[in-house]
């Protein structure tokens, strides 16, 4: 069974060469596949890719903190694709345009809110991008001031930041479902994929673990709790039948990748079952 599931997963999301991957699923739910990939997020091929932004929809800021945190983020590399004269800041501009269309201010997007946009011409293997507004995590505002010049990224306390991160994960999947239903109602093809494909694929970074400074173990457990509480049947419209749903987290930082795996293994076998450790 694990071999067949693994094969179905590989058909949905190609496993890249020279990457480290960890595949598992929720106990009692064979349709929902989850994987951790130590690989660049911009090479993902599938339906939805998630990226972090701030309240001003500015994407990822690395100025004034690069070198302090000591680790780079998948989000930054995703936005760097559009640092060009041909498509300058495409993802940022699309997010602001969508916010304006939906009657939201591009200067005051609420934390944990998500916006869906097209992926654009430089991400041809992805259908949609989900921009989620993530706060900064900081134990000390004076320390925070060293790392960022964006006071609108602060929240009242670390506990509030963790609560909002949990809400980010919930809203991401709610947003994907809402976008899917709207597209179906408009009789438009939502997903980019071959007609023979049988999976809905979603790719996320380790949200909050790079620029925003969340403790990796706490962020990992928030993500795992979300996946544990996720009912895969709620992700797809009743008119569309799919065999598998894959949720993939990609990591650019080795330490973050390892800590996520360690936290997941603590939940085996009560909540999750490992299908394979894949090394190519």
Protein backbone atom coordinates (compact mmCIF):
# COMPACT_ATOMS: atom_id res chain seq x y z
CA UNK A 1 0.00 0.00 0.00
CA UNK A 2 2.81 2.39 0.91
CA UNK A 3 4.47 1.64 -2.44
CA UNK A 4 1.29 2.45 -4.38
CA UNK A 5 0.72 5.63 -2.36
CA UNK A 6 4.30 6.70 -2.90
CA UNK A 7 3.94 6.14 -6.65
CA UNK A 8 0.74 8.21 -6.78
CA UNK A 9 2.44 11.00 -4.88
CA UNK A 10 5.41 11.06 -7.25
CA UNK A 11 3.02 11.35 -10.21
CA UNK A 12 1.44 14.41 -8.62
CA UNK A 13 4.53 16.29 -7.43
CA UNK A 14 7.79 15.29 -9.14
CA UNK A 15 10.51 14.46 -6.62
CA UNK A 16 13.57 16.48 -7.59
CA UNK A 17 17.03 15.06 -7.97
CA UNK A 18 19.63 15.92 -5.35
CA UNK A 19 17.01 16.76 -2.71
CA UNK A 20 16.04 15.25 0.63
CA UNK A 21 12.39 14.37 1.13
CA UNK A 22 10.22 12.96 3.91
CA UNK A 23 6.74 11.62 3.09
CA UNK A 24 3.99 10.80 5.60
CA UNK A 25 0.22 10.84 6.02
CA UNK A 26 -2.35 11.30 8.73
CA UNK A 27 -3.46 8.12 10.46
CA UNK A 28 -6.86 7.05 9.15
CA UNK A 29 -6.75 9.23 6.04
CA UNK A 30 -5.08 7.69 3.00
CA UNK A 31 -6.07 10.54 0.68
CA UNK A 32 -4.11 13.25 2.46
CA UNK A 33 -0.35 13.03 1.79
CA UNK A 34 2.10 15.38 3.49
CA UNK A 35 5.76 15.80 2.66
CA UNK A 36 8.78 17.80 3.78
CA UNK A 37 11.20 18.65 0.96
CA UNK A 38 14.63 20.20 1.36
CA UNK A 39 14.40 21.90 -2.02
CA UNK A 40 13.83 25.33 -3.63
CA UNK A 41 10.20 26.37 -3.49
CA UNK A 42 10.34 28.08 -6.90
CA UNK A 43 10.79 24.70 -8.64
CA UNK A 44 7.48 23.32 -7.35
CA UNK A 45 4.99 22.10 -9.95
CA UNK A 46 1.34 22.00 -8.94
CA UNK A 47 -1.83 23.91 -8.15
CA UNK A 48 -1.14 26.33 -5.31
CA UNK A 49 2.04 27.78 -3.88
CA UNK A 50 1.94 29.80 -0.65
CA UNK A 51 4.13 32.78 0.21
CA UNK A 52 4.36 35.11 3.18
CA UNK A 53 3.78 38.84 3.06
CA UNK A 54 3.28 41.67 5.54
CA UNK A 55 0.39 44.05 6.19
CA UNK A 56 1.53 46.34 3.36
CA UNK A 57 1.71 43.45 0.89
CA UNK A 58 5.39 44.14 0.35
CA UNK A 59 6.42 40.52 0.01
CA UNK A 60 9.64 39.58 1.76
CA UNK A 61 12.10 42.12 3.15
CA UNK A 62 15.65 40.97 3.65
CA UNK A 63 17.31 44.37 3.99
CA UNK A 64 18.52 45.21 7.53
CA UNK A 65 18.28 41.65 8.79
CA UNK A 66 20.28 39.49 6.38
CA UNK A 67 23.13 37.99 8.38
CA UNK A 68 21.45 38.48 11.76
CA UNK A 69 19.10 35.53 11.52
CA UNK A 70 21.67 33.32 9.84
CA UNK A 71 19.18 31.50 7.67
CA UNK A 72 17.51 32.29 4.35
CA UNK A 73 13.88 31.73 3.47
CA UNK A 74 11.99 30.05 0.66
CA UNK A 75 9.73 33.10 0.38
CA UNK A 76 12.61 35.40 -0.51
CA UNK A 77 13.78 33.13 -3.31
CA UNK A 78 10.24 32.98 -4.70
CA UNK A 79 9.95 36.77 -4.88
CA UNK A 80 13.43 37.08 -6.36
CA UNK A 81 12.15 35.42 -9.54
CA UNK A 82 10.32 38.68 -10.31
CA UNK A 83 13.18 41.04 -9.47
CA UNK A 84 13.55 41.91 -13.14
CA UNK A 85 12.90 44.80 -15.52
CA UNK A 86 10.41 42.74 -17.50
CA UNK A 87 8.16 41.79 -14.55
CA UNK A 88 9.19 44.08 -11.67
CA UNK A 89 7.74 42.92 -8.35
CA UNK A 90 5.01 40.99 -10.16
CA UNK A 91 3.76 39.04 -7.11
CA UNK A 92 3.62 42.17 -4.95
CA UNK A 93 1.76 44.15 -7.60
CA UNK A 94 -0.70 41.31 -8.20
CA UNK A 95 -1.42 41.00 -4.47
CA UNK A 96 -2.06 44.73 -4.17
CA UNK A 97 -4.28 44.72 -7.24
CA UNK A 98 -6.31 41.81 -5.85
CA UNK A 99 -6.64 43.51 -2.46
CA UNK A 100 -7.95 46.64 -4.16
CA UNK A 101 -10.46 44.58 -6.17
CA UNK A 102 -11.72 42.98 -2.96
CA UNK A 103 -12.10 46.33 -1.23
CA UNK A 104 -9.12 45.89 1.09
CA UNK A 105 -6.40 48.44 1.72
CA UNK A 106 -2.94 47.45 0.49
CA UNK A 107 -1.55 49.30 3.53
CA UNK A 108 -3.64 47.56 6.22
CA UNK A 109 -4.06 43.90 5.35
CA UNK A 110 -5.01 42.05 8.56
CA UNK A 111 -2.61 39.50 9.95
CA UNK A 112 -3.50 35.92 8.96
CA UNK A 113 -5.52 37.17 5.96
CA UNK A 114 -4.81 35.45 2.63
CA UNK A 115 -5.14 36.65 -0.98
CA UNK A 116 -5.00 34.48 -4.11
CA UNK A 117 -3.39 35.73 -7.33
CA UNK A 118 -2.15 34.26 -10.57
CA UNK A 119 1.37 32.86 -10.44
CA UNK A 120 2.48 34.84 -13.45
CA UNK A 121 4.61 34.12 -16.52
CA UNK A 122 7.80 33.20 -14.65
CA UNK A 123 6.10 30.43 -12.64
CA UNK A 124 4.51 28.52 -15.53
CA UNK A 125 4.17 25.25 -13.59
CA UNK A 126 1.99 26.75 -10.84
CA UNK A 127 -1.62 27.87 -11.19
CA UNK A 128 -2.13 30.21 -8.22
CA UNK A 129 -0.13 31.94 -5.49
CA UNK A 130 -1.62 32.38 -2.01
CA UNK A 131 -0.21 35.40 -0.16
CA UNK A 132 -0.66 35.11 3.62
CA UNK A 133 0.00 37.99 6.02
CA UNK A 134 2.39 36.84 8.77
CA UNK A 135 3.46 38.91 11.81
CA UNK A 136 6.93 39.11 13.28
CA UNK A 137 7.79 37.06 16.36
CA UNK A 138 9.92 38.92 18.89
CA UNK A 139 10.56 38.65 22.61
CA UNK A 140 12.01 42.14 22.79
CA UNK A 141 10.99 45.20 20.77
CA UNK A 142 14.46 46.74 21.19
CA UNK A 143 16.00 43.64 19.65
CA UNK A 144 13.33 43.73 16.96
CA UNK A 145 14.32 47.25 15.99
CA UNK A 146 17.77 45.98 15.06
CA UNK A 147 16.37 43.43 12.64
CA UNK A 148 13.62 45.37 10.90
CA UNK A 149 12.44 48.87 10.10
CA UNK A 150 8.84 47.74 9.70
CA UNK A 151 6.91 48.58 12.91
CA UNK A 152 3.65 47.54 11.26
CA UNK A 153 4.91 43.95 11.47
CA UNK A 154 4.84 43.89 15.28
CA UNK A 155 2.15 42.36 17.48
CA UNK A 156 1.52 42.75 21.19
CA UNK A 157 3.23 39.58 22.42
CA UNK A 158 4.88 36.30 21.35
CA UNK A 159 1.69 34.46 22.32
CA UNK A 160 -0.32 36.68 20.00
CA UNK A 161 2.14 36.01 17.18
CA UNK A 162 1.77 32.24 17.69
CA UNK A 163 -2.02 32.53 17.70
CA UNK A 164 -1.92 34.46 14.44
CA UNK A 165 0.43 31.92 12.86
CA UNK A 166 -2.07 29.18 13.68
CA UNK A 167 -4.80 31.29 12.11
CA UNK A 168 -2.60 31.78 9.02
CA UNK A 169 -2.54 28.04 8.38
CA UNK A 170 -6.30 27.68 8.84
CA UNK A 171 -7.05 30.63 6.57
CA UNK A 172 -4.73 29.37 3.84
CA UNK A 173 -6.84 26.26 3.33
CA UNK A 174 -10.11 28.16 3.74
CA UNK A 175 -8.91 30.58 1.05
CA UNK A 176 -7.97 27.75 -1.29
CA UNK A 177 -11.43 26.19 -0.87
CA UNK A 178 -13.15 29.53 -1.44
CA UNK A 179 -11.09 30.20 -4.57
CA UNK A 180 -11.90 26.74 -5.87
CA UNK A 181 -15.64 27.13 -5.32
CA UNK A 182 -15.67 30.53 -7.01
CA UNK A 183 -13.83 29.20 -10.04
CA UNK A 184 -16.19 26.22 -10.27
CA UNK A 185 -19.22 28.49 -10.06
CA UNK A 186 -17.81 30.58 -12.90
CA UNK A 187 -17.31 27.43 -14.99
CA UNK A 188 -13.58 28.06 -15.27
CA UNK A 189 -10.82 25.49 -15.11
CA UNK A 190 -9.15 26.01 -11.74
CA UNK A 191 -6.21 23.65 -11.74
CA UNK A 192 -3.27 23.50 -14.12
CA UNK A 193 -2.39 19.83 -14.63
CA UNK A 194 -2.54 16.96 -17.03
CA UNK A 195 -5.94 15.39 -17.55
CA UNK A 196 -4.65 12.11 -16.12
CA UNK A 197 -3.51 13.66 -12.84
CA UNK A 198 -5.55 12.68 -9.79
CA UNK A 199 -4.22 14.94 -7.05
CA UNK A 200 -4.63 18.45 -5.73
CA UNK A 201 -1.19 19.79 -4.80
CA UNK A 202 -0.36 22.62 -2.41
CA UNK A 203 3.14 23.85 -1.53
CA UNK A 204 4.06 25.98 1.47
CA UNK A 205 7.29 27.30 2.96
CA UNK A 206 7.96 26.79 6.66
CA UNK A 207 5.80 29.81 7.42
CA UNK A 208 7.30 32.22 9.94
CA UNK A 209 10.63 30.40 10.32
CA UNK A 210 12.77 32.70 8.19
CA UNK A 211 12.47 36.47 8.17
CA UNK A 212 9.64 36.55 10.73
CA UNK A 213 11.72 34.81 13.39
CA UNK A 214 9.31 32.25 14.88
CA UNK A 215 10.84 29.47 17.01
CA UNK A 216 11.14 26.57 14.58
CA UNK A 217 9.83 23.87 16.93
CA UNK A 218 6.75 25.91 17.82
CA UNK A 219 6.04 26.78 14.19
CA UNK A 220 6.44 23.11 13.23
CA UNK A 221 3.91 21.98 15.81
CA UNK A 222 1.42 24.64 14.74
CA UNK A 223 1.68 23.32 11.16
CA UNK A 224 1.36 19.69 12.27
CA UNK A 225 -1.66 20.51 14.44
CA UNK A 226 -3.29 22.16 11.44
CA UNK A 227 -2.67 19.15 9.23
CA UNK A 228 -3.96 16.83 11.95
CA UNK A 229 -7.22 18.79 12.20
CA UNK A 230 -7.58 19.11 8.45
CA UNK A 231 -10.35 17.11 6.82
CA UNK A 232 -9.18 16.42 3.28
CA UNK A 233 -12.77 16.18 2.00
CA UNK A 234 -13.23 19.87 2.86
CA UNK A 235 -10.52 20.85 0.40
CA UNK A 236 -12.33 19.71 -2.71
CA UNK A 237 -15.67 20.60 -4.20
CA UNK A 238 -18.26 17.84 -4.15
CA UNK A 239 -18.46 17.90 -7.98
CA UNK A 240 -14.78 17.01 -8.43
CA UNK A 241 -13.37 13.59 -7.54
CA UNK A 242 -9.66 13.35 -6.66
CA UNK A 243 -7.74 10.38 -5.33
CA UNK A 244 -5.08 12.24 -3.37
CA UNK A 245 -4.38 15.64 -1.89
CA UNK A 246 -0.72 16.48 -1.34
CA UNK A 247 0.51 19.19 1.01
CA UNK A 248 4.20 19.89 0.67
CA UNK A 249 6.43 22.05 2.84
CA UNK A 250 9.70 23.09 1.25
CA UNK A 251 12.79 24.14 3.19
CA UNK A 252 15.84 26.08 2.12
CA UNK A 253 17.47 25.82 5.54
CA UNK A 254 18.77 22.40 6.69
CA UNK A 255 18.23 23.05 10.39
CA UNK A 256 14.59 24.00 9.88
CA UNK A 257 14.06 20.89 7.75
CA UNK A 258 15.54 18.68 10.47
CA UNK A 259 13.54 20.22 13.31
CA UNK A 260 10.26 19.81 11.40
CA UNK A 261 11.11 16.12 10.90
CA UNK A 262 11.96 15.70 14.58
CA UNK A 263 8.66 17.23 15.68
CA UNK A 264 6.72 15.07 13.22
CA UNK A 265 8.41 11.86 14.45
CA UNK A 266 7.20 12.60 17.98
CA UNK A 267 3.66 12.14 16.67
CA UNK A 268 4.26 8.69 15.17
CA UNK A 269 2.31 6.43 15.31
CA UNK A 270 -0.53 8.15 17.20
CA UNK A 271 -1.22 10.88 14.63
CA UNK A 272 0.97 10.24 11.59
CA UNK A 273 2.56 7.33 9.79
CA UNK A 274 5.78 7.69 7.82
CA UNK A 275 5.69 6.32 4.27
CA UNK A 276 9.31 6.80 3.27
CA UNK A 277 12.54 8.71 3.54
CA UNK A 278 13.39 9.55 -0.04
CA UNK A 279 16.92 10.49 -1.09
CA UNK A 280 17.78 11.03 -4.73
